[in-house]
PDB file of N, CA and C in Angstrom:
ATOM      1  N   UNK A   1       0.643  13.870  16.629  1.00  0.00           N
ATOM      2  CA  UNK A   1       1.272  12.240  15.534  1.00  0.00           C
ATOM      3  C   UNK A   1       2.535  12.507  15.762  1.00  0.00           C
ATOM      4  N   UNK A   2       2.975  11.325  15.573  1.00  0.00           N
ATOM      5  CA  UNK A   2       4.775  10.762  15.555  1.00  0.00           C
ATOM      6  C   UNK A   2       5.022  11.165  14.042  1.00  0.00           C
ATOM      7  N   UNK A   3       6.343  11.577  14.171  1.00  0.00           N
ATOM      8  CA  UNK A   3       7.020  11.917  13.172  1.00  0.00           C
ATOM      9  C   UNK A   3       6.693  10.719  12.077  1.00  0.00           C
ATOM     10  N   UNK A   4       6.982   9.126  12.769  1.00  0.00           N
ATOM     11  CA  UNK A   4       7.170   8.361  11.908  1.00  0.00           C
ATOM     12  C   UNK A   4       5.463   7.617  11.041  1.00  0.00           C
ATOM     13  N   UNK A   5       4.681   8.252  12.053  1.00  0.00           N
ATOM     14  CA  UNK A   5       3.429   8.145  11.605  1.00  0.00           C
ATOM     15  C   UNK A   5       3.374   9.182  10.337  1.00  0.00           C
ATOM     16  N   UNK A   6       3.578  10.407  10.461  1.00  0.00           N
ATOM     17  CA  UNK A   6       3.755  11.711   9.297  1.00  0.00           C
ATOM     18  C   UNK A   6       3.921  11.098   8.124  1.00  0.00           C
ATOM     19  N   UNK A   7       5.707  10.093   8.251  1.00  0.00           N
ATOM     20  CA  UNK A   7       6.025   9.998   7.423  1.00  0.00           C
ATOM     21  C   UNK A   7       5.243   8.868   6.629  1.00  0.00           C
ATOM     22  N   UNK A   8       4.753   7.928   7.170  1.00  0.00           N
ATOM     23  CA  UNK A   8       4.011   6.747   6.504  1.00  0.00           C
ATOM     24  C   UNK A   8       2.753   7.028   5.598  1.00  0.00           C
ATOM     25  N   UNK A   9       2.223   8.448   6.448  1.00  0.00           N
ATOM     26  CA  UNK A   9       1.014   8.906   5.871  1.00  0.00           C
ATOM     27  C   UNK A   9       1.550   9.854   4.311  1.00  0.00           C
ATOM     28  N   UNK A  10       2.568  10.238   4.522  1.00  0.00           N
ATOM     29  CA  UNK A  10       3.012  11.060   3.331  1.00  0.00           C
ATOM     30  C   UNK A  10       3.091   9.932   2.153  1.00  0.00           C
ATOM     31  N   UNK A  11       4.163   8.844   2.562  1.00  0.00           N
ATOM     32  CA  UNK A  11       4.360   7.867   1.343  1.00  0.00           C
ATOM     33  C   UNK A  11       3.525   7.334   0.974  1.00  0.00           C
ATOM     34  N   UNK A  12       2.227   6.927   1.332  1.00  0.00           N
ATOM     35  CA  UNK A  12       0.871   6.320   1.040  1.00  0.00           C
ATOM     36  C   UNK A  12       0.520   7.489   0.321  1.00  0.00           C
ATOM     37  N   UNK A  13       0.269   8.573   0.851  1.00  0.00           N
ATOM     38  CA  UNK A  13      -0.263   9.592  -0.231  1.00  0.00           C
ATOM     39  C   UNK A  13       0.482   9.705  -1.400  1.00  0.00           C
ATOM     40  N   UNK A  14       1.911   9.307  -1.549  1.00  0.00           N
ATOM     41  CA  UNK A  14       2.568  10.031  -3.013  1.00  0.00           C
ATOM     42  C   UNK A  14       2.105   8.283  -3.502  1.00  0.00           C
ATOM     43  N   UNK A  15       2.204   7.495  -3.101  1.00  0.00           N
ATOM     44  CA  UNK A  15       1.994   5.962  -3.954  1.00  0.00           C
ATOM     45  C   UNK A  15       0.476   5.659  -4.341  1.00  0.00           C
ATOM     46  N   UNK A  16      -0.601   6.097  -3.478  1.00  0.00           N
ATOM     47  CA  UNK A  16      -1.539   6.636  -4.060  1.00  0.00           C
ATOM     48  C   UNK A  16      -1.866   7.821  -5.071  1.00  0.00           C
ATOM     49  N   UNK A  17      -1.229   8.312  -5.241  1.00  0.00           N
ATOM     50  CA  UNK A  17      -1.082   9.661  -6.578  1.00  0.00           C
ATOM     51  C   UNK A  17      -0.562   8.727  -7.429  1.00  0.00           C
ATOM     52  N   UNK A  18       0.744   8.182  -7.318  1.00  0.00           N
ATOM     53  CA  UNK A  18       1.267   7.893  -8.634  1.00  0.00           C
ATOM     54  C   UNK A  18       0.437   6.500  -8.942  1.00  0.00           C
ATOM     55  N   UNK A  19      -0.260   5.901  -8.329  1.00  0.00           N
ATOM     56  CA  UNK A  19      -1.352   4.555  -9.030  1.00  0.00           C
ATOM     57  C   UNK A  19      -2.556   5.448  -9.506  1.00  0.00           C
ATOM     58  N   UNK A  20      -2.653   6.456  -9.325  1.00  0.00           N
ATOM     59  CA  UNK A  20      -4.138   6.951  -9.821  1.00  0.00           C
ATOM     60  C   UNK A  20      -3.967   7.795 -11.409  1.00  0.00           C
ATOM     61  N   UNK A  21      -2.952   8.430 -11.171  1.00  0.00           N
ATOM     62  CA  UNK A  21      -2.115   8.780 -12.408  1.00  0.00           C
ATOM     63  C   UNK A  21      -1.110   8.052 -13.278  1.00  0.00           C
ATOM     64  N   UNK A  22      -0.642   7.213 -12.643  1.00  0.00           N
ATOM     65  CA  UNK A  22       0.305   6.381 -14.049  1.00  0.00           C
ATOM     66  C   UNK A  22      -0.002   4.676 -13.641  1.00  0.00           C
ATOM     67  N   UNK A  23      -1.095   4.350 -12.940  1.00  0.00           N
ATOM     68  CA  UNK A  23      -1.469   2.956 -13.354  1.00  0.00           C
ATOM     69  C   UNK A  23      -0.968   2.285 -12.063  1.00  0.00           C
ATOM     70  N   UNK A  24      -1.306   1.029 -12.440  1.00  0.00           N
ATOM     71  CA  UNK A  24      -0.373  -0.034 -11.315  1.00  0.00           C
ATOM     72  C   UNK A  24       1.259   0.274 -11.294  1.00  0.00           C
ATOM     73  N   UNK A  25       2.136   0.310 -10.427  1.00  0.00           N
ATOM     74  CA  UNK A  25       3.437   0.122 -10.549  1.00  0.00           C
ATOM     75  C   UNK A  25       4.132  -0.345  -9.716  1.00  0.00           C
ATOM     76  N   UNK A  26       4.837  -0.601  -9.461  1.00  0.00           N
ATOM     77  CA  UNK A  26       6.043  -0.593  -8.048  1.00  0.00           C
ATOM     78  C   UNK A  26       7.225   0.381  -8.249  1.00  0.00           C
ATOM     79  N   UNK A  27       7.366   0.630  -7.078  1.00  0.00           N
ATOM     80  CA  UNK A  27       8.645   1.988  -6.656  1.00  0.00           C
ATOM     81  C   UNK A  27       9.613   1.173  -6.093  1.00  0.00           C
ATOM     82  N   UNK A  28      11.199   1.845  -6.987  1.00  0.00           N
ATOM     83  CA  UNK A  28      12.051   1.856  -6.207  1.00  0.00           C
ATOM     84  C   UNK A  28      12.680   2.936  -5.824  1.00  0.00           C
ATOM     85  N   UNK A  29      13.073   3.148  -4.807  1.00  0.00           N
ATOM     86  CA  UNK A  29      13.310   4.297  -4.112  1.00  0.00           C
ATOM     87  C   UNK A  29      14.595   4.361  -3.321  1.00  0.00           C
ATOM     88  N   UNK A  30      15.765   5.077  -3.903  1.00  0.00           N
ATOM     89  CA  UNK A  30      16.835   5.415  -3.355  1.00  0.00           C
ATOM     90  C   UNK A  30      17.215   6.291  -2.760  1.00  0.00           C
ATOM     91  N   UNK A  31      17.533   6.183  -1.653  1.00  0.00           N
ATOM     92  CA  UNK A  31      17.964   7.249  -0.591  1.00  0.00           C
ATOM     93  C   UNK A  31      17.543   8.865  -0.575  1.00  0.00           C
ATOM     94  N   UNK A  32      15.998   8.679  -0.890  1.00  0.00           N
ATOM     95  CA  UNK A  32      15.353   9.860  -0.964  1.00  0.00           C
ATOM     96  C   UNK A  32      15.466  10.806   0.781  1.00  0.00           C
ATOM     97  N   UNK A  33      15.608  11.840   0.106  1.00  0.00           N
ATOM     98  CA  UNK A  33      15.416  13.111   1.463  1.00  0.00           C
ATOM     99  C   UNK A  33      14.308  13.924   1.082  1.00  0.00           C
ATOM    100  N   UNK A  34      13.608  14.296   1.748  1.00  0.00           N
ATOM    101  CA  UNK A  34      12.393  15.014   1.655  1.00  0.00           C
ATOM    102  C   UNK A  34      12.564  16.097   2.489  1.00  0.00           C
ATOM    103  N   UNK A  35      11.969  17.361   2.202  1.00  0.00           N
ATOM    104  CA  UNK A  35      12.480  18.526   2.613  1.00  0.00           C
ATOM    105  C   UNK A  35      11.698  18.614   4.471  1.00  0.00           C
ATOM    106  N   UNK A  36      10.781  18.133   4.391  1.00  0.00           N
ATOM    107  CA  UNK A  36      10.169  18.286   6.004  1.00  0.00           C
ATOM    108  C   UNK A  36      10.596  17.596   6.774  1.00  0.00           C
ATOM    109  N   UNK A  37      11.818  16.740   6.678  1.00  0.00           N
ATOM    110  CA  UNK A  37      12.818  15.523   7.739  1.00  0.00           C
ATOM    111  C   UNK A  37      14.020  16.546   7.647  1.00  0.00           C
ATOM    112  N   UNK A  38      14.100  17.228   6.918  1.00  0.00           N
ATOM    113  CA  UNK A  38      15.979  17.812   6.965  1.00  0.00           C
ATOM    114  C   UNK A  38      15.944  19.447   7.937  1.00  0.00           C
ATOM    115  N   UNK A  39      16.952  19.625   8.240  1.00  0.00           N
ATOM    116  CA  UNK A  39      16.970  20.753   9.385  1.00  0.00           C
ATOM    117  C   UNK A  39      16.956  21.964   8.340  1.00  0.00           C
ATOM    118  N   UNK A  40      17.847  21.432   7.256  1.00  0.00           N
ATOM    119  CA  UNK A  40      18.149  22.616   6.005  1.00  0.00           C
ATOM    120  C   UNK A  40      17.115  22.069   5.135  1.00  0.00           C
ATOM    121  N   UNK A  41      16.647  23.116   4.109  1.00  0.00           N
ATOM    122  CA  UNK A  41      15.934  22.615   2.808  1.00  0.00           C
ATOM    123  C   UNK A  41      16.872  22.246   1.358  1.00  0.00           C
ATOM    124  N   UNK A  42      17.923  22.252   1.773  1.00  0.00           N
ATOM    125  CA  UNK A  42      19.081  22.062   0.693  1.00  0.00           C
ATOM    126  C   UNK A  42      20.024  20.967   1.486  1.00  0.00           C
ATOM    127  N   UNK A  43      20.140  19.683   0.555  1.00  0.00           N
ATOM    128  CA  UNK A  43      21.123  18.682   1.170  1.00  0.00           C
ATOM    129  C   UNK A  43      22.533  19.463   0.506  1.00  0.00           C
ATOM    130  N   UNK A  44      23.650  19.125   1.206  1.00  0.00           N
ATOM    131  CA  UNK A  44      25.014  19.461   0.835  1.00  0.00           C
ATOM    132  C   UNK A  44      25.453  19.044  -0.630  1.00  0.00           C
ATOM    133  N   UNK A  45      25.976  20.079  -1.646  1.00  0.00           N
ATOM    134  CA  UNK A  45      26.289  19.808  -2.822  1.00  0.00           C
ATOM    135  C   UNK A  45      26.255  18.250  -3.154  1.00  0.00           C
ATOM    136  N   UNK A  46      27.558  18.042  -2.604  1.00  0.00           N
ATOM    137  CA  UNK A  46      28.422  16.460  -2.863  1.00  0.00           C
ATOM    138  C   UNK A  46      27.017  15.520  -2.456  1.00  0.00           C
ATOM    139  N   UNK A  47      26.474  15.697  -1.665  1.00  0.00           N
ATOM    140  CA  UNK A  47      25.154  14.195  -1.158  1.00  0.00           C
ATOM    141  C   UNK A  47      24.345  14.646  -2.491  1.00  0.00           C
ATOM    142  N   UNK A  48      23.663  15.820  -2.892  1.00  0.00           N
ATOM    143  CA  UNK A  48      23.238  15.836  -4.234  1.00  0.00           C
ATOM    144  C   UNK A  48      23.945  14.990  -5.519  1.00  0.00           C
ATOM    145  N   UNK A  49      25.379  15.249  -5.447  1.00  0.00           N
ATOM    146  CA  UNK A  49      25.860  14.493  -6.615  1.00  0.00           C
ATOM    147  C   UNK A  49      26.015  13.083  -6.397  1.00  0.00           C
ATOM    148  N   UNK A  50      26.137  12.846  -5.280  1.00  0.00           N
ATOM    149  CA  UNK A  50      25.935  11.288  -4.746  1.00  0.00           C
ATOM    150  C   UNK A  50      24.808  10.650  -5.193  1.00  0.00           C
ATOM    151  N   UNK A  51      23.682  11.373  -4.664  1.00  0.00           N
ATOM    152  CA  UNK A  51      22.485  10.479  -5.155  1.00  0.00           C
ATOM    153  C   UNK A  51      21.894  10.409  -6.547  1.00  0.00           C
ATOM    154  N   UNK A  52      22.494  11.582  -7.254  1.00  0.00           N
ATOM    155  CA  UNK A  52      22.327  11.867  -8.819  1.00  0.00           C
ATOM    156  C   UNK A  52      23.049  10.566  -9.234  1.00  0.00           C
ATOM    157  N   UNK A  53      24.392  10.668  -9.024  1.00  0.00           N
ATOM    158  CA  UNK A  53      25.201   9.524  -9.856  1.00  0.00           C
ATOM    159  C   UNK A  53      24.693   7.904  -9.444  1.00  0.00           C
ATOM    160  N   UNK A  54      24.264   7.671  -8.472  1.00  0.00           N
ATOM    161  CA  UNK A  54      23.193   6.615  -8.290  1.00  0.00           C
ATOM    162  C   UNK A  54      22.287   6.492  -8.881  1.00  0.00           C
ATOM    163  N   UNK A  55      21.085   7.268  -8.478  1.00  0.00           N
ATOM    164  CA  UNK A  55      20.070   7.445  -9.690  1.00  0.00           C
ATOM    165  C   UNK A  55      19.964   7.346 -11.069  1.00  0.00           C
ATOM    166  N   UNK A  56      21.051   7.764 -11.869  1.00  0.00           N
ATOM    167  CA  UNK A  56      21.407   8.038 -13.071  1.00  0.00           C
ATOM    168  C   UNK A  56      21.829   6.450 -13.516  1.00  0.00           C
ATOM    169  N   UNK A  57      22.932   5.812 -12.039  1.00  0.00           N
ATOM    170  CA  UNK A  57      23.310   4.464 -12.538  1.00  0.00           C
ATOM    171  C   UNK A  57      22.017   3.359 -12.743  1.00  0.00           C
ATOM    172  N   UNK A  58      20.852   3.720 -11.579  1.00  0.00           N
ATOM    173  CA  UNK A  58      19.815   2.977 -11.895  1.00  0.00           C
ATOM    174  C   UNK A  58      18.995   3.002 -12.927  1.00  0.00           C
ATOM    175  N   UNK A  59      18.588   4.110 -13.690  1.00  0.00           N
ATOM    176  CA  UNK A  59      17.847   4.393 -15.067  1.00  0.00           C
ATOM    177  C   UNK A  59      19.070   3.640 -16.032  1.00  0.00           C
ATOM    178  N   UNK A  60      20.144   3.849 -15.913  1.00  0.00           N
ATOM    179  CA  UNK A  60      20.785   3.116 -17.362  1.00  0.00           C
ATOM    180  C   UNK A  60      20.366   1.822 -17.080  1.00  0.00           C
ATOM    181  N   UNK A  61      20.596   1.281 -15.730  1.00  0.00           N
ATOM    182  CA  UNK A  61      20.216  -0.250 -15.873  1.00  0.00           C
ATOM    183  C   UNK A  61      18.839  -0.912 -15.975  1.00  0.00           C
ATOM    184  N   UNK A  62      17.896   0.018 -15.851  1.00  0.00           N
ATOM    185  CA  UNK A  62      16.871   0.001 -16.387  1.00  0.00           C
ATOM    186  C   UNK A  62      15.983   0.081 -17.630  1.00  0.00           C
ATOM    187  N   UNK A  63      17.125   1.114 -18.184  1.00  0.00           N
ATOM    188  CA  UNK A  63      16.530   1.200 -19.851  1.00  0.00           C
ATOM    189  C   UNK A  63      16.499  -0.040 -20.778  1.00  0.00           C
ATOM    190  N   UNK A  64      17.880  -0.569 -20.842  1.00  0.00           N
ATOM    191  CA  UNK A  64      17.708  -1.590 -21.672  1.00  0.00           C
ATOM    192  C   UNK A  64      16.453  -2.984 -21.370  1.00  0.00           C
ATOM    193  N   UNK A  65      16.439  -2.702 -19.864  1.00  0.00           N
ATOM    194  CA  UNK A  65      15.457  -3.929 -20.198  1.00  0.00           C
ATOM    195  C   UNK A  65      13.475  -3.713 -20.393  1.00  0.00           C
ATOM    196  N   UNK A  66      13.632  -2.443 -21.051  1.00  0.00           N
ATOM    197  CA  UNK A  66      12.390  -1.837 -21.238  1.00  0.00           C
ATOM    198  C   UNK A  66      11.744  -1.947 -22.720  1.00  0.00           C
ATOM    199  N   UNK A  67      10.721  -3.066 -22.970  1.00  0.00           N
ATOM    200  CA  UNK A  67       9.777  -3.342 -23.734  1.00  0.00           C
ATOM    201  C   UNK A  67       9.393  -2.094 -25.051  1.00  0.00           C
ATOM    202  N   UNK A  68       9.464  -2.304 -25.848  1.00  0.00           N
ATOM    203  CA  UNK A  68       8.772  -1.484 -26.776  1.00  0.00           C
ATOM    204  C   UNK A  68       7.592  -0.808 -26.470  1.00  0.00           C
ATOM    205  N   UNK A  69       7.194   0.212 -26.368  1.00  0.00           N
ATOM    206  CA  UNK A  69       5.813   0.640 -25.700  1.00  0.00           C
ATOM    207  C   UNK A  69       5.858   0.516 -24.022  1.00  0.00           C
ATOM    208  N   UNK A  70       7.517   0.167 -23.843  1.00  0.00           N
ATOM    209  CA  UNK A  70       6.937  -0.007 -22.200  1.00  0.00           C
ATOM    210  C   UNK A  70       7.100   1.537 -21.661  1.00  0.00           C
ATOM    211  N   UNK A  71       7.101   1.071 -20.307  1.00  0.00           N
ATOM    212  CA  UNK A  71       6.630   2.526 -19.134  1.00  0.00           C
ATOM    213  C   UNK A  71       7.694   2.063 -18.182  1.00  0.00           C
ATOM    214  N   UNK A  72       8.697   3.474 -17.946  1.00  0.00           N
ATOM    215  CA  UNK A  72       9.545   3.391 -16.964  1.00  0.00           C
ATOM    216  C   UNK A  72       9.029   5.044 -15.917  1.00  0.00           C
ATOM    217  N   UNK A  73       8.983   4.425 -14.679  1.00  0.00           N
ATOM    218  CA  UNK A  73       8.489   5.784 -13.776  1.00  0.00           C
ATOM    219  C   UNK A  73       9.672   5.534 -13.074  1.00  0.00           C
ATOM    220  N   UNK A  74      10.073   7.145 -12.910  1.00  0.00           N
ATOM    221  CA  UNK A  74      11.081   7.968 -12.087  1.00  0.00           C
ATOM    222  C   UNK A  74      10.416   8.863 -10.952  1.00  0.00           C
ATOM    223  N   UNK A  75      10.797   8.225  -9.608  1.00  0.00           N
ATOM    224  CA  UNK A  75      10.139   8.704  -8.598  1.00  0.00           C
ATOM    225  C   UNK A  75      11.264   9.147  -7.654  1.00  0.00           C
ATOM    226  N   UNK A  76      11.234  10.698  -7.299  1.00  0.00           N
ATOM    227  CA  UNK A  76      12.470  10.685  -5.977  1.00  0.00           C
ATOM    228  C   UNK A  76      11.510  11.482  -4.765  1.00  0.00           C
ATOM    229  N   UNK A  77      12.190  11.108  -3.931  1.00  0.00           N
ATOM    230  CA  UNK A  77      11.492  11.995  -2.566  1.00  0.00           C
ATOM    231  C   UNK A  77      12.237  13.349  -2.349  1.00  0.00           C
ATOM    232  N   UNK A  78      12.461  14.024  -3.564  1.00  0.00           N
ATOM    233  CA  UNK A  78      13.217  15.253  -3.696  1.00  0.00           C
ATOM    234  C   UNK A  78      12.226  16.084  -4.387  1.00  0.00           C
ATOM    235  N   UNK A  79      12.942  17.686  -4.202  1.00  0.00           N
ATOM    236  CA  UNK A  79      12.382  18.867  -4.683  1.00  0.00           C
ATOM    237  C   UNK A  79      13.678  19.599  -5.789  1.00  0.00           C
ATOM    238  N   UNK A  80      14.655  18.535  -5.453  1.00  0.00           N
ATOM    239  CA  UNK A  80      16.360  19.192  -6.263  1.00  0.00           C
ATOM    240  C   UNK A  80      16.076  18.867  -7.291  1.00  0.00           C
ATOM    241  N   UNK A  81      16.363  20.178  -8.252  1.00  0.00           N
ATOM    242  CA  UNK A  81      16.342  19.938  -9.729  1.00  0.00           C
ATOM    243  C   UNK A  81      17.375  19.105 -10.145  1.00  0.00           C
ATOM    244  N   UNK A  82      18.222  19.017  -9.514  1.00  0.00           N
ATOM    245  CA  UNK A  82      19.629  17.868 -10.404  1.00  0.00           C
ATOM    246  C   UNK A  82      19.580  16.515 -10.243  1.00  0.00           C
ATOM    247  N   UNK A  83      18.260  16.059  -9.093  1.00  0.00           N
ATOM    248  CA  UNK A  83      18.166  14.814  -9.016  1.00  0.00           C
ATOM    249  C   UNK A  83      16.642  14.659 -10.032  1.00  0.00           C
ATOM    250  N   UNK A  84      15.734  15.755  -9.801  1.00  0.00           N
ATOM    251  CA  UNK A  84      14.756  15.312 -10.952  1.00  0.00           C
ATOM    252  C   UNK A  84      15.058  15.636 -12.354  1.00  0.00           C
ATOM    253  N   UNK A  85      14.112  16.885 -12.710  1.00  0.00           N
ATOM    254  CA  UNK A  85      14.232  17.749 -14.158  1.00  0.00           C
ATOM    255  C   UNK A  85      15.767  17.355 -14.869  1.00  0.00           C
ATOM    256  N   UNK A  86      16.489  18.063 -14.279  1.00  0.00           N
ATOM    257  CA  UNK A  86      18.048  17.717 -14.821  1.00  0.00           C
ATOM    258  C   UNK A  86      18.292  16.444 -15.384  1.00  0.00           C
ATOM    259  N   UNK A  87      18.101  15.646 -14.387  1.00  0.00           N
ATOM    260  CA  UNK A  87      18.580  14.025 -14.216  1.00  0.00           C
ATOM    261  C   UNK A  87      17.952  13.374 -15.506  1.00  0.00           C
ATOM    262  N   UNK A  88      16.565  13.865 -15.478  1.00  0.00           N
ATOM    263  CA  UNK A  88      15.298  13.211 -16.573  1.00  0.00           C
ATOM    264  C   UNK A  88      16.303  13.627 -17.978  1.00  0.00           C
ATOM    265  N   UNK A  89      16.396  14.793 -17.736  1.00  0.00           N
ATOM    266  CA  UNK A  89      16.903  15.300 -19.444  1.00  0.00           C
ATOM    267  C   UNK A  89      18.309  14.933 -19.820  1.00  0.00           C
ATOM    268  N   UNK A  90      18.993  14.874 -19.095  1.00  0.00           N
ATOM    269  CA  UNK A  90      20.628  13.928 -19.412  1.00  0.00           C
ATOM    270  C   UNK A  90      19.769  12.665 -19.658  1.00  0.00           C
ATOM    271  N   UNK A  91      19.262  12.030 -19.015  1.00  0.00           N
ATOM    272  CA  UNK A  91      18.935  10.934 -19.309  1.00  0.00           C
ATOM    273  C   UNK A  91      18.637  10.977 -20.704  1.00  0.00           C
ATOM    274  N   UNK A  92      17.286  10.937 -20.851  1.00  0.00           N
ATOM    275  CA  UNK A  92      16.528  11.145 -22.406  1.00  0.00           C
ATOM    276  C   UNK A  92      17.709  11.374 -23.236  1.00  0.00           C
ATOM    277  N   UNK A  93      18.673  11.991 -22.941  1.00  0.00           N
ATOM    278  CA  UNK A  93      19.495  12.833 -24.099  1.00  0.00           C
ATOM    279  C   UNK A  93      20.338  11.669 -24.643  1.00  0.00           C
ATOM    280  N   UNK A  94      20.668  10.755 -23.663  1.00  0.00           N
ATOM    281  CA  UNK A  94      21.452   9.629 -23.379  1.00  0.00           C
ATOM    282  C   UNK A  94      20.830   8.517 -24.184  1.00  0.00           C
ATOM    283  N   UNK A  95      19.503   8.326 -24.453  1.00  0.00           N
ATOM    284  CA  UNK A  95      18.423   7.424 -24.534  1.00  0.00           C
ATOM    285  C   UNK A  95      17.558   8.079 -25.783  1.00  0.00           C
ATOM    286  N   UNK A  96      18.135   7.919 -26.926  1.00  0.00           N
ATOM    287  CA  UNK A  96      17.310   8.543 -28.060  1.00  0.00           C
ATOM    288  C   UNK A  96      15.744   8.042 -28.113  1.00  0.00           C
ATOM    289  N   UNK A  97      15.944   6.293 -27.623  1.00  0.00           N
ATOM    290  CA  UNK A  97      14.471   5.657 -28.055  1.00  0.00           C
ATOM    291  C   UNK A  97      13.286   5.479 -26.953  1.00  0.00           C
ATOM    292  N   UNK A  98      13.650   6.864 -25.758  1.00  0.00           N
ATOM    293  CA  UNK A  98      12.913   7.098 -24.643  1.00  0.00           C
ATOM    294  C   UNK A  98      12.116   8.180 -24.567  1.00  0.00           C
ATOM    295  N   UNK A  99      10.880   8.596 -24.585  1.00  0.00           N
ATOM    296  CA  UNK A  99      10.419  10.050 -24.443  1.00  0.00           C
ATOM    297  C   UNK A  99       9.799  10.125 -23.027  1.00  0.00           C
ATOM    298  N   UNK A 100       9.791  11.699 -22.798  1.00  0.00           N
ATOM    299  CA  UNK A 100       9.048  12.052 -21.314  1.00  0.00           C
ATOM    300  C   UNK A 100       7.646  11.675 -21.552  1.00  0.00           C
ATOM    301  N   UNK A 101       6.790  11.295 -21.212  1.00  0.00           N
ATOM    302  CA  UNK A 101       5.516  11.468 -21.518  1.00  0.00           C
ATOM    303  C   UNK A 101       4.438  12.384 -20.613  1.00  0.00           C
ATOM    304  N   UNK A 102       5.366  12.258 -19.200  1.00  0.00           N
ATOM    305  CA  UNK A 102       4.779  13.585 -18.191  1.00  0.00           C
ATOM    306  C   UNK A 102       5.377  13.610 -17.024  1.00  0.00           C
ATOM    307  N   UNK A 103       5.729  14.721 -16.260  1.00  0.00           N
ATOM    308  CA  UNK A 103       6.191  14.626 -15.012  1.00  0.00           C
ATOM    309  C   UNK A 103       5.500  15.781 -14.123  1.00  0.00           C
ATOM    310  N   UNK A 104       5.988  15.498 -12.709  1.00  0.00           N
ATOM    311  CA  UNK A 104       5.103  16.356 -12.099  1.00  0.00           C
ATOM    312  C   UNK A 104       5.806  16.169 -10.277  1.00  0.00           C
ATOM    313  N   UNK A 105       5.952  17.889 -10.062  1.00  0.00           N
ATOM    314  CA  UNK A 105       6.569  17.776  -8.382  1.00  0.00           C
ATOM    315  C   UNK A 105       5.468  18.109  -8.155  1.00  0.00           C
ATOM    316  N   UNK A 106       5.493  17.274  -6.610  1.00  0.00           N
ATOM    317  CA  UNK A 106       4.508  16.681  -5.384  1.00  0.00           C
ATOM    318  C   UNK A 106       4.976  17.892  -4.433  1.00  0.00           C
ATOM    319  N   UNK A 107       4.275  18.952  -3.982  1.00  0.00           N
ATOM    320  CA  UNK A 107       4.530  19.977  -3.402  1.00  0.00           C
ATOM    321  C   UNK A 107       3.776  19.796  -1.481  1.00  0.00           C
ATOM    322  N   UNK A 108       4.783  20.075  -0.974  1.00  0.00           N
ATOM    323  CA  UNK A 108       4.220  19.977   0.653  1.00  0.00           C
ATOM    324  C   UNK A 108       2.937  20.573   0.587  1.00  0.00           C
ATOM    325  N   UNK A 109       2.740  21.788   0.408  1.00  0.00           N
ATOM    326  CA  UNK A 109       2.082  22.985   0.772  1.00  0.00           C
ATOM    327  C   UNK A 109       0.805  22.456  -0.141  1.00  0.00           C
ATOM    328  N   UNK A 110       0.746  21.634  -1.136  1.00  0.00           N
ATOM    329  CA  UNK A 110      -0.286  21.492  -2.023  1.00  0.00           C
ATOM    330  C   UNK A 110      -0.930  20.365  -1.869  1.00  0.00           C
ATOM    331  N   UNK A 111       0.170  19.320  -1.998  1.00  0.00           N
ATOM    332  CA  UNK A 111      -0.185  17.993  -2.184  1.00  0.00           C
ATOM    333  C   UNK A 111      -0.477  17.141  -0.916  1.00  0.00           C
ATOM    334  N   UNK A 112      -0.152  17.393   0.647  1.00  0.00           N
ATOM    335  CA  UNK A 112       0.263  17.271   1.549  1.00  0.00           C
ATOM    336  C   UNK A 112       1.302  16.033   1.274  1.00  0.00           C
ATOM    337  N   UNK A 113       2.555  16.136   0.887  1.00  0.00           N
ATOM    338  CA  UNK A 113       3.449  14.974   1.066  1.00  0.00           C
ATOM    339  C   UNK A 113       4.578  15.936   1.294  1.00  0.00           C
ATOM    340  N   UNK A 114       5.459  15.142   1.440  1.00  0.00           N
ATOM    341  CA  UNK A 114       6.921  15.728   2.017  1.00  0.00           C
ATOM    342  C   UNK A 114       7.757  16.622   0.942  1.00  0.00           C
ATOM    343  N   UNK A 115       7.265  16.155  -0.375  1.00  0.00           N
ATOM    344  CA  UNK A 115       7.894  16.953  -1.636  1.00  0.00           C
ATOM    345  C   UNK A 115       8.256  15.847  -2.499  1.00  0.00           C
ATOM    346  N   UNK A 116       7.527  15.827  -3.391  1.00  0.00           N
ATOM    347  CA  UNK A 116       8.630  14.579  -4.745  1.00  0.00           C
ATOM    348  C   UNK A 116       8.409  14.701  -5.874  1.00  0.00           C
ATOM    349  N   UNK A 117       9.128  13.901  -6.850  1.00  0.00           N
ATOM    350  CA  UNK A 117       8.876  14.443  -8.263  1.00  0.00           C
ATOM    351  C   UNK A 117       8.670  13.015  -8.707  1.00  0.00           C
ATOM    352  N   UNK A 118       7.908  12.719  -9.825  1.00  0.00           N
ATOM    353  CA  UNK A 118       7.422  11.695 -10.735  1.00  0.00           C
ATOM    354  C   UNK A 118       7.510  12.168 -12.198  1.00  0.00           C
ATOM    355  N   UNK A 119       8.295  11.291 -12.863  1.00  0.00           N
ATOM    356  CA  UNK A 119       8.346  11.135 -14.578  1.00  0.00           C
ATOM    357  C   UNK A 119       8.050   9.903 -15.266  1.00  0.00           C
ATOM    358  N   UNK A 120       6.957   9.997 -16.049  1.00  0.00           N
ATOM    359  CA  UNK A 120       6.554   8.925 -16.830  1.00  0.00           C
ATOM    360  C   UNK A 120       7.745   9.119 -18.203  1.00  0.00           C
ATOM    361  N   UNK A 121       8.392   7.702 -18.453  1.00  0.00           N
ATOM    362  CA  UNK A 121       9.371   7.748 -19.078  1.00  0.00           C
ATOM    363  C   UNK A 121       8.589   6.468 -20.496  1.00  0.00           C
ATOM    364  N   UNK A 122       8.449   6.339 -21.696  1.00  0.00           N
ATOM    365  CA  UNK A 122       8.012   5.162 -22.289  1.00  0.00           C
ATOM    366  C   UNK A 122       8.995   4.996 -23.284  1.00  0.00           C
ATOM    367  N   UNK A 123       9.484   3.749 -23.662  1.00  0.00           N
ATOM    368  CA  UNK A 123      10.056   3.382 -24.539  1.00  0.00           C
ATOM    369  C   UNK A 123       9.119   3.422 -26.004  1.00  0.00           C
ATOM    370  N   UNK A 124      10.111   4.133 -27.172  1.00  0.00           N
ATOM    371  CA  UNK A 124       9.292   3.947 -28.274  1.00  0.00           C
ATOM    372  C   UNK A 124       9.268   2.875 -29.253  1.00  0.00           C
ATOM    373  N   UNK A 125       8.184   2.502 -30.083  1.00  0.00           N
ATOM    374  CA  UNK A 125       7.847   1.046 -30.913  1.00  0.00           C
ATOM    375  C   UNK A 125       8.756   1.039 -31.850  1.00  0.00           C
TER     376      UNK A 125
END
């Protein structure tokens, strides 16, 4: 199997997982980096900070557009806490009207994907 075929299969598996656990959704991915495609397991700290800044900006742009009871799904192709749990906690601390409903890490050796994180946020009525 070629690397591109593996990547496409991993993306399909991730999307199928998201659809089955979070219902119909569209996804916006920004510069993800999965462990299986990297020569090292962790990107340089400056890259994590660059991605974190961009991801937080996307969330800040999306938040005001969310209606009461609306759902925002945040997903990355990363297992870095700074881009995932830590970022979601910071975002929620700045948006009191949003609550974390569920979150999950998808791991290469369990979920047969490169590695990902997904969080379901909901605007309170």
